[in-house]
Protein backbone atom coordinates (compact mmCIF):
# COMPACT_ATOMS: atom_id res chain seq x y z
CA UNK A 1 37.21 -5.23 7.69
CA UNK A 2 33.61 -5.31 6.64
CA UNK A 3 32.58 -4.34 3.23
CA UNK A 4 29.86 -2.12 4.65
CA UNK A 5 32.77 -0.01 6.09
CA UNK A 6 34.17 0.61 2.74
CA UNK A 7 33.89 4.09 1.18
CA UNK A 8 32.73 2.83 -2.23
CA UNK A 9 29.90 0.77 -0.75
CA UNK A 10 28.99 3.71 1.44
CA UNK A 11 28.84 5.93 -1.59
CA UNK A 12 26.64 3.31 -3.34
CA UNK A 13 24.23 3.05 -0.51
CA UNK A 14 24.01 6.88 -0.15
CA UNK A 15 23.29 7.19 -4.06
CA UNK A 16 20.55 4.57 -3.78
CA UNK A 17 18.87 6.20 -0.65
CA UNK A 18 19.17 9.65 -2.28
CA UNK A 19 17.43 8.24 -5.45
CA UNK A 20 14.58 6.80 -3.39
CA UNK A 21 14.29 10.14 -1.60
CA UNK A 22 14.00 12.13 -4.72
CA UNK A 23 11.60 9.69 -6.38
CA UNK A 24 9.33 9.61 -3.29
CA UNK A 25 9.36 13.53 -3.01
CA UNK A 26 8.36 13.68 -6.80
CA UNK A 27 5.38 11.51 -5.84
CA UNK A 28 3.76 14.44 -3.98
CA UNK A 29 3.90 16.58 -7.23
CA UNK A 30 2.80 13.79 -9.45
CA UNK A 31 0.16 12.06 -7.46
CA UNK A 32 -0.68 14.08 -4.40
CA UNK A 33 -3.72 11.98 -3.48
CA UNK A 34 -1.53 8.93 -3.08
CA UNK A 35 0.50 10.39 -0.34
CA UNK A 36 -0.50 10.48 3.54
CA UNK A 37 0.59 14.19 3.94
CA UNK A 38 -1.38 17.43 4.25
CA UNK A 39 1.30 19.49 2.51
CA UNK A 40 4.63 19.14 0.78
CA UNK A 41 6.66 19.98 3.77
CA UNK A 42 5.10 17.30 5.77
CA UNK A 43 5.61 14.80 3.02
CA UNK A 44 9.08 15.88 2.65
CA UNK A 45 9.87 15.25 6.45
CA UNK A 46 8.25 11.77 6.00
CA UNK A 47 10.39 10.87 3.02
CA UNK A 48 13.56 12.10 4.59
CA UNK A 49 12.80 9.77 7.76
CA UNK A 50 11.97 6.90 5.42
CA UNK A 51 15.11 7.47 3.37
CA UNK A 52 17.36 7.25 6.56
CA UNK A 53 15.73 4.01 7.53
CA UNK A 54 16.09 2.71 3.84
CA UNK A 55 19.74 3.52 4.09
CA UNK A 56 20.24 1.72 7.29
CA UNK A 57 18.39 -1.28 6.01
CA UNK A 58 20.48 -1.42 2.91
CA UNK A 59 23.75 -1.30 4.91
CA UNK A 60 22.41 -4.10 7.23
CA UNK A 61 21.50 -6.34 4.14
CA UNK A 62 24.92 -5.97 2.57
CA UNK A 63 26.53 -6.94 5.91
CA UNK A 64 24.24 -10.01 6.18
CA UNK A 65 25.23 -11.03 2.56
CA UNK A 66 28.87 -10.42 3.36
CA UNK A 67 28.64 -12.73 6.37
CA UNK A 68 26.81 -15.53 4.51
CA UNK A 69 29.70 -15.36 1.91
CA UNK A 70 32.37 -15.59 4.48
CA UNK A 71 30.56 -18.57 5.94
CA UNK A 72 30.54 -20.24 2.61
CA UNK A 73 26.61 -20.35 2.41
CA UNK A 74 26.65 -20.01 -1.38
CA UNK A 75 28.65 -23.15 -2.25
């Protein structure tokens, strides 16, 4: 079984992606000139798409390190 399939790891990855999502959405309120969006709804959509990609990349990263560990690359 891959560690990436474990419920606890899924929950941690989800929490991290949710935190990223929340912080990026706050950016519109705090520094609106720093975001490439015309309105908050547009920015929210961009952030949601980025958060989805971020979550997938985190899962892939966990899997890559699991494989490295299993192959003894950290001896």
